C-alpha atoms as a PDB file:
ATOM      1  CA  MET A   1      -7.051  49.969 -45.679  1.00  0.00           C
ATOM      2  CA  SER A   2      -5.781  50.191 -42.105  1.00  0.00           C
ATOM      3  CA  ASP A   3      -7.859  51.324 -39.138  1.00  0.00           C
ATOM      4  CA  SER A   4      -5.805  54.510 -39.074  1.00  0.00           C
ATOM      5  CA  ASP A   5      -6.648  55.254 -42.701  1.00  0.00           C
ATOM      6  CA  LYS A   6     -10.322  54.504 -42.057  1.00  0.00           C
ATOM      7  CA  THR A   7     -10.332  56.874 -39.083  1.00  0.00           C
ATOM      8  CA  ASP A   8      -8.634  59.627 -41.072  1.00  0.00           C
ATOM      9  CA  GLU A   9     -11.144  59.207 -43.883  1.00  0.00           C
ATOM     10  CA  ALA A  10     -14.073  59.262 -41.437  1.00  0.00           C
ATOM     11  CA  LEU A  11     -12.795  62.483 -39.863  1.00  0.00           C
ATOM     12  CA  LYS A  12     -12.397  64.060 -43.292  1.00  0.00           C
ATOM     13  CA  ARG A  13     -15.982  63.111 -44.124  1.00  0.00           C
ATOM     14  CA  VAL A  14     -17.238  64.559 -40.809  1.00  0.00           C
ATOM     15  CA  ARG A  15     -15.387  67.822 -41.407  1.00  0.00           C
ATOM     16  CA  HIS A  16     -16.525  68.060 -45.039  1.00  0.00           C
ATOM     17  CA  THR A  17     -20.152  67.281 -44.157  1.00  0.00           C
ATOM     18  CA  PHE A  18     -20.129  69.873 -41.405  1.00  0.00           C
ATOM     19  CA  GLU A  19     -18.602  72.511 -43.670  1.00  0.00           C
ATOM     20  CA  GLU A  20     -21.253  71.887 -46.314  1.00  0.00           C
ATOM     21  CA  ALA A  21     -24.052  72.054 -43.747  1.00  0.00           C
ATOM     22  CA  ALA A  22     -22.645  75.220 -42.190  1.00  0.00           C
ATOM     23  CA  ASP A  23     -22.391  76.886 -45.585  1.00  0.00           C
ATOM     24  CA  GLU A  24     -26.026  76.050 -46.261  1.00  0.00           C
ATOM     25  CA  ALA A  25     -27.343  77.025 -42.843  1.00  0.00           C
ATOM     26  CA  GLU A  26     -27.392  80.786 -42.902  1.00  0.00           C
ATOM     27  CA  GLU A  27     -28.814  80.938 -39.393  1.00  0.00           C
ATOM     28  CA  MET A  28     -25.756  79.227 -37.925  1.00  0.00           C
ATOM     29  CA  SER A  29     -23.806  81.818 -36.027  1.00  0.00           C
ATOM     30  CA  GLU A  30     -20.076  82.216 -36.484  1.00  0.00           C
ATOM     31  CA  LYS A  31     -19.625  81.320 -32.812  1.00  0.00           C
ATOM     32  CA  ALA A  32     -21.499  78.036 -33.211  1.00  0.00           C
ATOM     33  CA  ARG A  33     -19.485  77.227 -36.322  1.00  0.00           C
ATOM     34  CA  ARG A  34     -16.193  77.837 -34.480  1.00  0.00           C
ATOM     35  CA  GLU A  35     -17.335  75.657 -31.569  1.00  0.00           C
ATOM     36  CA  VAL A  36     -18.135  72.728 -33.864  1.00  0.00           C
ATOM     37  CA  GLU A  37     -14.849  73.158 -35.742  1.00  0.00           C
ATOM     38  CA  GLU A  38     -12.987  73.177 -32.415  1.00  0.00           C
ATOM     39  CA  ALA A  39     -14.810  70.012 -31.346  1.00  0.00           C
ATOM     40  CA  ILE A  40     -13.736  68.270 -34.552  1.00  0.00           C
ATOM     41  CA  ASP A  41     -10.155  69.484 -34.048  1.00  0.00           C
ATOM     42  CA  ASP A  42     -10.226  68.157 -30.463  1.00  0.00           C
ATOM     43  CA  LEU A  43     -11.487  64.805 -31.714  1.00  0.00           C
ATOM     44  CA  GLU A  44      -8.614  64.616 -34.202  1.00  0.00           C
ATOM     45  CA  THR A  45      -6.118  65.473 -31.457  1.00  0.00           C
ATOM     46  CA  ARG A  46      -7.506  62.781 -29.143  1.00  0.00           C
ATOM     47  CA  ILE A  47      -7.341  60.168 -31.861  1.00  0.00           C
ATOM     48  CA  GLU A  48      -3.768  61.152 -32.677  1.00  0.00           C
ATOM     49  CA  ARG A  49      -2.795  60.838 -28.995  1.00  0.00           C
ATOM     50  CA  LEU A  50      -4.378  57.397 -28.790  1.00  0.00           C
ATOM     51  CA  ARG A  51      -2.474  56.319 -31.886  1.00  0.00           C
ATOM     52  CA  ASN A  52       0.789  57.531 -30.396  1.00  0.00           C
ATOM     53  CA  ARG A  53       0.282  55.636 -27.110  1.00  0.00           C
ATOM     54  CA  ASP A  54       0.997  52.329 -28.810  1.00  0.00           C
END
């Protein structure tokens, strides 16, 4: 498994874990949920840019 595949899999696990936690945490506001989802999206974008620099 390449580093790229490992990174993709790690990001999928982060997103899935967050989604499960958010579903279980009724007190989490919709705004907080969107902010975390945006942070994960930003992380994916940064990683993709770093991959494309090579």
